[in-house]
Protein backbone atom coordinates (compact mmCIF):
# COMPACT_ATOMS: atom_id res chain seq x y z
CA MET A 1 -0.11 0.03 0.02
CA THR A 2 1.05 3.56 -0.24
CA ASN A 3 0.82 6.38 2.39
CA ARG A 4 -0.24 10.04 1.90
CA SER A 5 3.22 10.96 0.46
CA GLY A 6 3.03 8.01 -2.11
CA GLN A 7 5.88 6.05 -0.24
CA GLY A 8 5.25 2.25 0.32
CA THR A 9 4.52 1.47 3.90
CA LYS A 10 3.71 -1.68 6.14
CA ARG A 11 0.51 -0.92 7.78
CA VAL A 12 -2.21 -2.92 9.39
CA PRO A 13 -2.71 -5.88 10.24
CA GLU A 14 0.48 -7.19 11.67
CA GLN A 15 1.67 -4.07 13.56
CA ASP A 16 0.37 -3.01 17.04
CA LEU A 17 -2.49 -0.59 16.78
CA SER A 18 -0.87 2.32 18.49
CA ASP A 19 -2.50 5.45 19.00
CA THR A 20 -0.45 7.36 16.58
CA LEU A 21 -1.18 4.75 13.80
CA TRP A 22 -4.92 4.73 14.67
CA SER A 23 -4.89 8.53 14.48
CA THR A 24 -3.27 8.56 11.11
CA MET A 25 -5.54 5.77 9.79
CA ILE A 26 -9.04 7.95 11.03
CA ILE A 27 -7.44 11.04 9.37
CA GLU A 28 -6.80 9.29 6.05
CA PHE A 29 -10.38 7.67 6.41
CA GLY A 30 -11.94 11.15 6.93
CA ASP A 31 -10.17 12.31 3.80
CA HIS A 32 -11.29 9.40 1.65
CA LEU A 33 -15.00 10.14 2.85
CA ARG A 34 -14.70 13.74 1.85
CA THR A 35 -12.94 13.46 -1.45
CA ASN A 36 -13.86 9.90 -3.01
CA ARG A 37 -17.34 9.59 -1.34
CA GLN A 38 -18.05 13.30 -1.25
CA LEU A 39 -19.87 13.12 1.96
CA SER A 40 -20.62 16.32 4.20
CA ALA A 41 -18.56 17.50 6.86
CA TYR A 42 -21.16 16.63 9.30
CA THR A 43 -21.45 12.99 8.13
CA VAL A 44 -17.71 12.66 7.92
CA ARG A 45 -17.52 13.80 11.36
CA ASN A 46 -20.19 11.29 12.66
CA TYR A 47 -18.28 8.41 10.85
CA THR A 48 -14.88 9.07 12.25
CA SER A 49 -16.36 9.64 15.87
CA ASP A 50 -18.29 6.30 15.56
CA ILE A 51 -15.05 4.51 14.76
CA ALA A 52 -13.62 5.63 18.05
CA SER A 53 -15.98 3.40 20.00
CA TYR A 54 -14.37 0.55 17.83
CA ALA A 55 -11.06 1.61 18.95
CA ASP A 56 -11.98 1.65 22.54
CA PHE A 57 -13.33 -2.01 22.04
CA LEU A 58 -10.08 -3.26 20.45
CA ARG A 59 -8.09 -1.90 23.27
CA LEU A 60 -10.42 -3.46 25.66
CA ARG A 61 -10.13 -6.91 24.08
CA ARG A 62 -6.37 -6.15 23.59
CA VAL A 63 -6.59 -6.87 19.88
CA SER A 64 -4.00 -4.93 17.62
CA ASP A 65 -4.85 -7.03 14.30
CA LEU A 66 -7.77 -5.93 12.59
CA ASP A 67 -7.99 -9.18 10.60
CA LYS A 68 -8.84 -11.01 13.78
CA ALA A 69 -12.18 -9.31 13.72
CA ASP A 70 -14.31 -12.18 12.62
CA ARG A 71 -18.08 -12.33 12.83
CA LYS A 72 -18.10 -13.39 16.52
CA PHE A 73 -15.84 -10.50 17.60
CA LEU A 74 -18.04 -8.03 15.63
CA ARG A 75 -21.31 -9.32 17.22
CA ASP A 76 -19.47 -8.94 20.54
CA TYR A 77 -18.79 -5.30 19.74
CA LEU A 78 -22.39 -4.62 18.90
CA ALA A 79 -23.58 -6.66 22.09
CA TRP A 80 -20.95 -4.31 24.00
CA LEU A 81 -22.30 -1.08 22.77
CA LEU A 82 -25.95 -1.98 23.70
CA GLU A 83 -24.50 -2.78 27.34
CA LEU A 84 -23.07 0.62 27.39
CA GLY A 85 -26.49 1.88 26.79
CA TYR A 86 -26.42 2.98 23.32
CA VAL A 87 -29.78 3.11 21.50
CA LYS A 88 -30.33 0.46 18.61
CA SER A 89 -30.30 3.35 16.08
CA SER A 90 -26.83 4.44 17.35
CA VAL A 91 -25.56 1.00 17.28
CA SER A 92 -26.71 0.62 13.62
CA ARG A 93 -25.17 3.88 12.62
CA LYS A 94 -21.74 2.91 14.28
CA LEU A 95 -22.10 -0.44 12.27
CA THR A 96 -22.63 1.44 9.03
CA ALA A 97 -19.36 3.61 10.01
CA LEU A 98 -17.45 0.58 10.75
CA ARG A 99 -18.41 -1.22 7.30
CA ALA A 100 -17.33 2.10 5.48
CA PHE A 101 -13.85 1.85 7.61
CA TYR A 102 -13.22 -1.77 6.70
CA GLY A 103 -14.11 -1.08 3.16
CA PHE A 104 -11.60 1.59 2.89
CA LEU A 105 -8.95 -0.48 4.52
CA GLY A 106 -9.67 -3.14 2.31
CA ASP A 107 -9.42 -1.25 -0.93
CA ARG A 108 -5.95 -0.06 0.16
CA GLY A 109 -5.00 -3.68 0.93
CA ASP A 110 -4.45 -2.88 4.63
CA ILE A 111 -6.69 -5.84 5.74
CA LYS A 112 -7.08 -9.37 4.31
CA ARG A 113 -10.54 -10.02 5.88
CA ASP A 114 -13.76 -8.09 6.34
CA GLN A 115 -16.50 -9.71 7.92
CA THR A 116 -18.63 -6.61 8.49
CA ASP A 117 -21.09 -7.38 5.87
CA LEU A 118 -21.89 -10.68 7.54
CA ILE A 119 -23.29 -8.71 10.74
CA THR A 120 -26.86 -7.50 10.74
CA SER A 121 -27.89 -4.32 12.55
CA PRO A 122 -30.03 -4.73 15.60
CA ARG A 123 -33.66 -4.54 14.71
CA LEU A 124 -35.03 -1.12 15.12
CA ASP A 125 -38.36 -0.52 16.90
CA ARG A 126 -40.57 1.31 14.28
CA ARG A 127 -40.80 4.79 15.34
CA LEU A 128 -43.38 6.90 13.35
CA PRO A 129 -42.19 10.30 12.45
CA VAL A 130 -43.88 13.02 14.34
CA VAL A 131 -46.58 14.95 11.94
CA ALA A 132 -48.27 18.18 12.73
CA THR A 133 -51.97 18.46 11.73
CA ARG A 134 -53.05 20.68 9.11
CA ARG A 135 -54.49 23.25 11.55
CA GLU A 136 -51.08 23.27 13.35
CA VAL A 137 -49.17 24.03 10.12
CA GLU A 138 -51.51 26.93 9.18
CA THR A 139 -51.19 28.30 12.76
CA LEU A 140 -47.22 28.20 12.44
CA LEU A 141 -47.21 29.71 8.72
CA ALA A 142 -49.23 32.62 10.22
CA ALA A 143 -46.80 33.15 13.10
CA PRO A 144 -44.15 35.49 11.13
CA ASP A 145 -44.72 39.17 11.47
CA THR A 146 -45.01 39.80 7.67
CA ALA A 147 -45.04 43.51 8.26
CA THR A 148 -41.39 43.50 9.01
CA ASP A 149 -38.48 42.27 6.66
CA ILE A 150 -37.44 39.39 8.73
CA GLY A 151 -41.00 38.10 8.91
CA ARG A 152 -41.38 38.23 5.32
CA ARG A 153 -38.30 36.12 4.80
CA ASP A 154 -39.31 33.78 7.54
CA ARG A 155 -42.76 33.34 6.22
CA ALA A 156 -41.33 32.60 2.92
CA ILE A 157 -38.96 29.81 4.53
CA LEU A 158 -41.70 28.13 6.38
CA GLU A 159 -44.02 28.13 3.40
CA VAL A 160 -41.31 26.44 1.14
CA LEU A 161 -40.40 24.03 3.82
CA TYR A 162 -44.07 22.93 4.08
CA SER A 163 -44.93 23.27 0.44
CA SER A 164 -41.88 21.50 -1.18
CA GLY A 165 -40.73 19.05 1.75
CA LEU A 166 -37.33 20.39 1.39
CA ARG A 167 -34.65 19.26 3.92
CA VAL A 168 -33.19 22.18 6.12
CA ALA A 169 -29.68 22.02 4.25
CA GLU A 170 -31.57 22.02 0.69
CA ILE A 171 -33.31 25.29 1.42
CA CYS A 172 -30.45 26.91 2.83
CA SER A 173 -28.43 25.90 -0.39
CA LEU A 174 -31.00 27.59 -2.74
CA ASP A 175 -29.93 30.31 -4.98
CA VAL A 176 -32.01 33.11 -6.64
CA GLY A 177 -31.68 31.33 -10.18
CA ASP A 178 -33.22 28.08 -8.68
CA ILE A 179 -36.86 29.48 -8.67
CA ASP A 180 -38.87 29.31 -11.64
CA PHE A 181 -41.78 31.40 -10.81
CA GLU A 182 -43.78 30.60 -13.90
CA TYR A 183 -43.79 26.88 -13.51
CA ARG A 184 -43.62 27.11 -9.64
CA GLU A 185 -40.71 24.89 -9.41
CA LEU A 186 -37.44 24.78 -7.50
CA ARG A 187 -34.12 23.16 -8.62
CA VAL A 188 -32.94 21.30 -5.61
CA VAL A 189 -29.56 19.70 -4.84
CA GLY A 190 -30.03 17.04 -2.31
CA LYS A 191 -28.11 14.30 -0.64
CA GLY A 192 -25.33 12.73 -2.76
CA ASP A 193 -25.46 16.00 -4.91
CA LYS A 194 -28.54 14.53 -6.74
CA GLU A 195 -30.62 17.16 -8.32
CA ARG A 196 -34.41 17.03 -8.50
CA ILE A 197 -37.36 19.48 -9.12
CA ALA A 198 -39.60 20.50 -6.13
CA LEU A 199 -42.93 21.93 -6.50
CA LEU A 200 -44.18 25.23 -4.97
CA GLY A 201 -47.93 25.86 -4.01
CA LYS A 202 -49.43 29.17 -4.69
CA PRO A 203 -49.15 30.61 -1.14
CA SER A 204 -45.38 29.61 -1.19
CA VAL A 205 -44.97 31.43 -4.62
CA MET A 206 -46.63 34.53 -3.08
CA ALA A 207 -44.36 34.49 0.03
CA LEU A 208 -41.36 34.07 -2.14
CA THR A 209 -42.23 36.80 -4.54
CA GLU A 210 -43.10 39.06 -1.43
CA TYR A 211 -39.74 38.29 0.13
CA ALA A 212 -37.78 38.62 -3.26
CA HIS A 213 -39.35 42.11 -4.16
CA ARG A 214 -39.65 43.69 -0.59
CA THR A 215 -37.12 42.05 1.54
CA ARG A 216 -34.06 40.37 -0.01
CA GLU A 217 -32.54 43.20 -1.82
CA LYS A 218 -32.21 45.15 1.53
CA LEU A 219 -30.47 42.14 2.99
CA SER A 220 -28.32 41.46 0.00
CA LYS A 221 -24.43 42.20 0.09
CA ARG A 222 -21.89 41.53 -2.75
CA GLN A 223 -20.46 38.36 -1.39
CA SER A 224 -24.01 36.75 -1.09
CA GLN A 225 -25.64 37.68 -4.27
CA THR A 226 -26.71 34.33 -5.43
CA ALA A 227 -28.02 33.02 -2.13
CA LEU A 228 -31.88 33.12 -1.80
CA PHE A 229 -32.10 33.41 1.87
CA LEU A 230 -30.03 35.81 3.54
CA ASN A 231 -29.34 36.69 7.27
CA ARG A 232 -29.64 40.28 8.44
CA TYR A 233 -25.94 40.82 7.57
CA GLY A 234 -26.33 39.65 3.84
CA GLY A 235 -24.80 36.14 4.41
CA ARG A 236 -26.24 32.98 3.41
CA LEU A 237 -28.76 31.64 5.98
CA SER A 238 -27.26 28.73 7.87
CA THR A 239 -28.93 25.49 8.81
CA ARG A 240 -28.80 26.24 12.45
CA SER A 241 -30.44 29.72 11.99
CA VAL A 242 -33.34 27.96 10.07
CA GLU A 243 -33.74 25.37 12.83
CA ARG A 244 -33.99 28.16 15.52
CA LEU A 245 -36.25 30.14 13.52
CA VAL A 246 -38.76 27.04 13.03
CA LYS A 247 -38.55 26.20 16.64
CA ARG A 248 -39.19 29.94 17.80
CA TYR A 249 -42.16 30.23 15.47
CA ALA A 250 -43.48 26.80 16.61
CA LEU A 251 -43.28 28.06 20.23
CA LYS A 252 -45.13 31.24 19.37
CA ALA A 253 -47.87 29.26 17.77
CA GLY A 254 -48.17 27.13 20.92
CA LEU A 255 -47.02 23.86 19.21
CA ASP A 256 -45.26 21.01 20.74
CA SER A 257 -41.54 22.00 21.98
CA ASN A 258 -40.18 19.17 20.00
CA PHE A 259 -41.43 20.63 16.63
CA HIS A 260 -38.42 21.21 14.29
CA THR A 261 -37.67 21.54 10.61
CA HIS A 262 -38.09 17.76 9.94
CA THR A 263 -41.56 17.73 11.43
CA LEU A 264 -42.57 20.06 8.38
CA ARG A 265 -40.86 17.69 6.03
CA HIS A 266 -42.86 14.69 7.67
CA SER A 267 -45.96 16.56 7.56
CA PHE A 268 -45.61 17.32 3.83
CA ALA A 269 -45.32 13.62 2.99
CA THR A 270 -48.23 12.48 5.31
CA HIS A 271 -50.46 15.28 4.14
CA LEU A 272 -49.70 14.22 0.54
CA LEU A 273 -50.77 10.86 1.13
CA ASP A 274 -53.79 11.61 3.17
CA GLY A 275 -54.94 13.59 -0.07
CA GLY A 276 -54.52 10.50 -2.24
CA ALA A 277 -51.00 11.14 -3.56
CA ASP A 278 -49.14 8.06 -5.00
CA LEU A 279 -46.34 6.86 -2.96
CA ARG A 280 -43.83 6.90 -5.86
CA VAL A 281 -44.87 10.58 -6.51
CA VAL A 282 -43.99 11.55 -2.92
CA GLN A 283 -40.86 9.57 -3.06
CA ASP A 284 -39.64 11.56 -6.03
CA LEU A 285 -40.72 14.77 -4.47
CA MET A 286 -38.76 14.05 -1.25
CA GLY A 287 -35.59 13.03 -3.12
CA HIS A 288 -35.65 9.53 -1.36
CA SER A 289 -33.66 6.93 -3.26
CA SER A 290 -35.56 4.06 -2.09
CA PRO A 291 -39.39 3.76 -1.88
CA ALA A 292 -38.78 1.85 1.72
CA THR A 293 -37.70 5.20 2.99
CA THR A 294 -41.00 6.81 2.06
CA GLN A 295 -42.98 3.93 3.16
CA ILE A 296 -43.20 4.78 6.81
CA TYR A 297 -45.50 7.75 6.02
CA THR A 298 -48.01 5.25 4.85
CA TYR A 299 -48.10 3.99 8.34
CA VAL A 300 -48.45 7.46 9.69
CA SER A 301 -51.51 8.09 7.41
CA THR A 302 -52.89 4.80 8.23
CA GLU A 303 -52.67 5.51 11.96
CA GLN A 304 -54.23 8.89 11.63
CA ALA A 305 -57.10 7.26 9.80
CA ARG A 306 -57.42 4.80 12.54
CA LYS A 307 -57.66 7.57 15.10
CA VAL A 308 -60.43 9.18 12.95
CA TYR A 309 -62.33 5.90 12.69
CA LEU A 310 -62.06 5.18 16.47
CA GLN A 311 -63.38 8.70 17.36
CA SER A 312 -66.12 9.15 14.62
CA HIS A 313 -67.71 5.83 13.62
CA PRO A 314 -70.51 4.83 15.83
CA ARG A 315 -69.14 1.36 16.17
CA GLY A 316 -65.50 2.43 16.12
CA GLY A 317 -65.05 1.79 19.71
CA GLY A 318 -64.47 5.42 20.65
CA THR A 319 -66.37 7.45 23.24
CA ALA A 320 -70.10 6.03 23.28
CA ASN A 321 -72.81 8.39 22.03
């Protein structure tokens, strides 16, 4: 194999897994994730952090040869994580990171055996996404004070989040040129740099038009001419800022304190299905690569139908008349 300078070196497996060697491997793994897999800085940070748990387990078992990590050893690792109190979803994520790590080492010839694909993640309890009712969404959308510049901007952000089902990172990355007002469309670059077309409802187009014509030019500075949503200093609005403003307006509207940006995305999908939309259409609009990811919203829609039935039908089993 070659090191970062291009010189051949002997690495894992038959050397002691020292702290220095481990740190070098993690740095190079992070570089690989950023450069070759083009993952976000947030994902790279999570992957490298998750691998740290595996290093702790190796030291606990006094294992310095990564080729000794057979199926039983890896199962013991997952069991150890659960004993430490990690929830199943976190353990599953750590296994995903470990597979990527072993794949990286295998491609470089650092290891001879990789059995991470033989291990299955802990079976996750199905947790239905939290969805707001239509009335709650309407209350939220009415919360910003549209008599102010920031209120008009925030109203446009909330309208687009709900109307198009965008992820918070997607709405922050929007540029002015991504909007087609005539066809009520947005060009969105989602996960994995995959491009898709998101649709806009009439209220969101009206809010965007109001923001674009009355507010954005007041906030715009030379360095941020392309960004659609700007902060009060003229810079591109950050994901953290959008998350904070959604939380603030949710509290102002009297909604649950756990309401967040993804609640609007969940509500977008569920309300479409409630209205009779085809699952594949919802999948495309949300930018999901697999229908299985979108499938969860059918359960939410079914649960809502069940509640309505139990509460409303004379023989539904709800409150007796």
